[in-house]
Amino acid sequence: MTVRELIGLLKQFDPQAEVIMQKDEEGNGYRGVHGAGEDEAAVIDYDDYVFLSQFENLSEAEDRYGDTLAFTSVAVIY
């Protein structure tokens, strides 16, 4: 989902409503949203991502995962 798509969905709701994140698709838990930030991420598989902010620099990420990671800008909601 893109930020544009998320904004479009959120426009359907009361702007004063609290935002809650569901843990997974089955509803096995919930948590409040406290903010958002930017990062660079690479998808490893369906549910596994590598975030550039986890490393000191790109070289460190490449040393661990190889130089095949394709990082892209992401919005991180926390």
C-alpha atoms as a PDB file:
ATOM      1  CA  MET A   1       0.000   0.000   0.000  1.00  0.00           C
ATOM      2  CA  THR A   2       1.260   3.481  -0.801  1.00  0.00           C
ATOM      3  CA  VAL A   3       0.936   6.595   1.329  1.00  0.00           C
ATOM      4  CA  ARG A   4      -1.532   7.950  -1.259  1.00  0.00           C
ATOM      5  CA  GLU A   5      -3.709   4.826  -0.926  1.00  0.00           C
ATOM      6  CA  LEU A   6      -3.582   5.011   2.877  1.00  0.00           C
ATOM      7  CA  ILE A   7      -4.576   8.676   2.865  1.00  0.00           C
ATOM      8  CA  GLY A   8      -7.484   7.849   0.560  1.00  0.00           C
ATOM      9  CA  LEU A   9      -8.697   5.164   2.960  1.00  0.00           C
ATOM     10  CA  LEU A  10      -8.272   7.351   6.041  1.00  0.00           C
ATOM     11  CA  LYS A  11     -10.306  10.167   4.463  1.00  0.00           C
ATOM     12  CA  GLN A  12     -13.362   7.927   4.871  1.00  0.00           C
ATOM     13  CA  PHE A  13     -13.129   8.117   8.678  1.00  0.00           C
ATOM     14  CA  ASP A  14     -13.830  10.715  11.329  1.00  0.00           C
ATOM     15  CA  PRO A  15     -10.646  12.846  11.458  1.00  0.00           C
ATOM     16  CA  GLN A  16     -10.875  12.815  15.278  1.00  0.00           C
ATOM     17  CA  ALA A  17     -10.897   8.983  15.483  1.00  0.00           C
ATOM     18  CA  GLU A  18      -7.960   7.295  17.231  1.00  0.00           C
ATOM     19  CA  VAL A  19      -5.713   5.233  14.912  1.00  0.00           C
ATOM     20  CA  ILE A  20      -5.085   1.639  16.012  1.00  0.00           C
ATOM     21  CA  MET A  21      -2.877  -0.916  14.218  1.00  0.00           C
ATOM     22  CA  GLN A  22      -3.960  -4.536  14.032  1.00  0.00           C
ATOM     23  CA  LYS A  23      -1.109  -6.996  14.730  1.00  0.00           C
ATOM     24  CA  ASP A  24      -1.969  -9.270  11.810  1.00  0.00           C
ATOM     25  CA  GLU A  25      -4.708 -10.051   9.305  1.00  0.00           C
ATOM     26  CA  GLU A  26      -6.448 -12.388  11.778  1.00  0.00           C
ATOM     27  CA  GLY A  27      -6.827  -9.726  14.483  1.00  0.00           C
ATOM     28  CA  ASN A  28      -4.559 -11.427  17.024  1.00  0.00           C
ATOM     29  CA  GLY A  29      -3.735  -8.166  18.760  1.00  0.00           C
ATOM     30  CA  TYR A  30      -3.870  -4.401  18.473  1.00  0.00           C
ATOM     31  CA  ARG A  31      -1.727  -1.392  19.398  1.00  0.00           C
ATOM     32  CA  GLY A  32      -1.979   2.347  19.171  1.00  0.00           C
ATOM     33  CA  VAL A  33      -0.151   4.379  16.546  1.00  0.00           C
ATOM     34  CA  HIS A  34       2.225   6.949  18.016  1.00  0.00           C
ATOM     35  CA  GLY A  35       3.890   8.487  15.002  1.00  0.00           C
ATOM     36  CA  ALA A  36       5.398   8.017  11.563  1.00  0.00           C
ATOM     37  CA  GLY A  37       8.795   8.390   9.973  1.00  0.00           C
ATOM     38  CA  GLU A  38      10.709   7.752   6.765  1.00  0.00           C
ATOM     39  CA  ASP A  39      13.161   4.950   6.079  1.00  0.00           C
ATOM     40  CA  GLU A  40      14.559   2.925   3.212  1.00  0.00           C
ATOM     41  CA  ALA A  41      13.506  -0.733   3.074  1.00  0.00           C
ATOM     42  CA  ALA A  42      14.150  -3.816   0.974  1.00  0.00           C
ATOM     43  CA  VAL A  43      11.719  -6.728   0.811  1.00  0.00           C
ATOM     44  CA  ILE A  44      13.304 -10.096   1.617  1.00  0.00           C
ATOM     45  CA  ASP A  45      10.089 -12.107   1.311  1.00  0.00           C
ATOM     46  CA  TYR A  46       6.359 -11.618   1.905  1.00  0.00           C
ATOM     47  CA  ASP A  47       6.606 -10.675   5.591  1.00  0.00           C
ATOM     48  CA  ASP A  48      10.300  -9.889   5.998  1.00  0.00           C
ATOM     49  CA  TYR A  49      11.858  -6.499   5.349  1.00  0.00           C
ATOM     50  CA  VAL A  50      15.348  -5.087   5.828  1.00  0.00           C
ATOM     51  CA  PHE A  51      15.400  -1.452   6.927  1.00  0.00           C
ATOM     52  CA  LEU A  52      18.426   0.665   6.120  1.00  0.00           C
ATOM     53  CA  SER A  53      18.107   2.388   9.510  1.00  0.00           C
ATOM     54  CA  GLN A  54      19.059  -0.952  11.136  1.00  0.00           C
ATOM     55  CA  PHE A  55      22.597  -0.489   9.825  1.00  0.00           C
ATOM     56  CA  GLU A  56      25.302   2.145  10.110  1.00  0.00           C
ATOM     57  CA  ASN A  57      25.411   2.474   6.308  1.00  0.00           C
ATOM     58  CA  LEU A  58      24.532   0.710   3.044  1.00  0.00           C
ATOM     59  CA  SER A  59      27.862  -1.152   2.991  1.00  0.00           C
ATOM     60  CA  GLU A  60      27.018  -2.834   6.297  1.00  0.00           C
ATOM     61  CA  ALA A  61      23.650  -4.014   4.910  1.00  0.00           C
ATOM     62  CA  GLU A  62      25.337  -5.286   1.741  1.00  0.00           C
ATOM     63  CA  ASP A  63      27.950  -7.163   3.808  1.00  0.00           C
ATOM     64  CA  ARG A  64      25.147  -9.019   5.578  1.00  0.00           C
ATOM     65  CA  TYR A  65      22.686  -9.553   2.702  1.00  0.00           C
ATOM     66  CA  GLY A  66      24.782  -9.113  -0.418  1.00  0.00           C
ATOM     67  CA  ASP A  67      24.482  -6.292  -2.917  1.00  0.00           C
ATOM     68  CA  THR A  68      21.170  -7.580  -4.317  1.00  0.00           C
ATOM     69  CA  LEU A  69      18.986  -5.578  -1.906  1.00  0.00           C
ATOM     70  CA  ALA A  70      16.791  -3.063  -3.716  1.00  0.00           C
ATOM     71  CA  PHE A  71      15.994  -0.352  -1.176  1.00  0.00           C
ATOM     72  CA  THR A  72      12.995   1.911  -1.688  1.00  0.00           C
ATOM     73  CA  SER A  73      11.526   4.775   0.343  1.00  0.00           C
ATOM     74  CA  VAL A  74       8.911   3.708   2.904  1.00  0.00           C
ATOM     75  CA  ALA A  75       6.702   5.398   5.493  1.00  0.00           C
ATOM     76  CA  VAL A  76       7.020   3.651   8.865  1.00  0.00           C
ATOM     77  CA  ILE A  77       4.059   3.898  11.238  1.00  0.00           C
ATOM     78  CA  TYR A  78       4.809   3.183  14.879  1.00  0.00           C
END
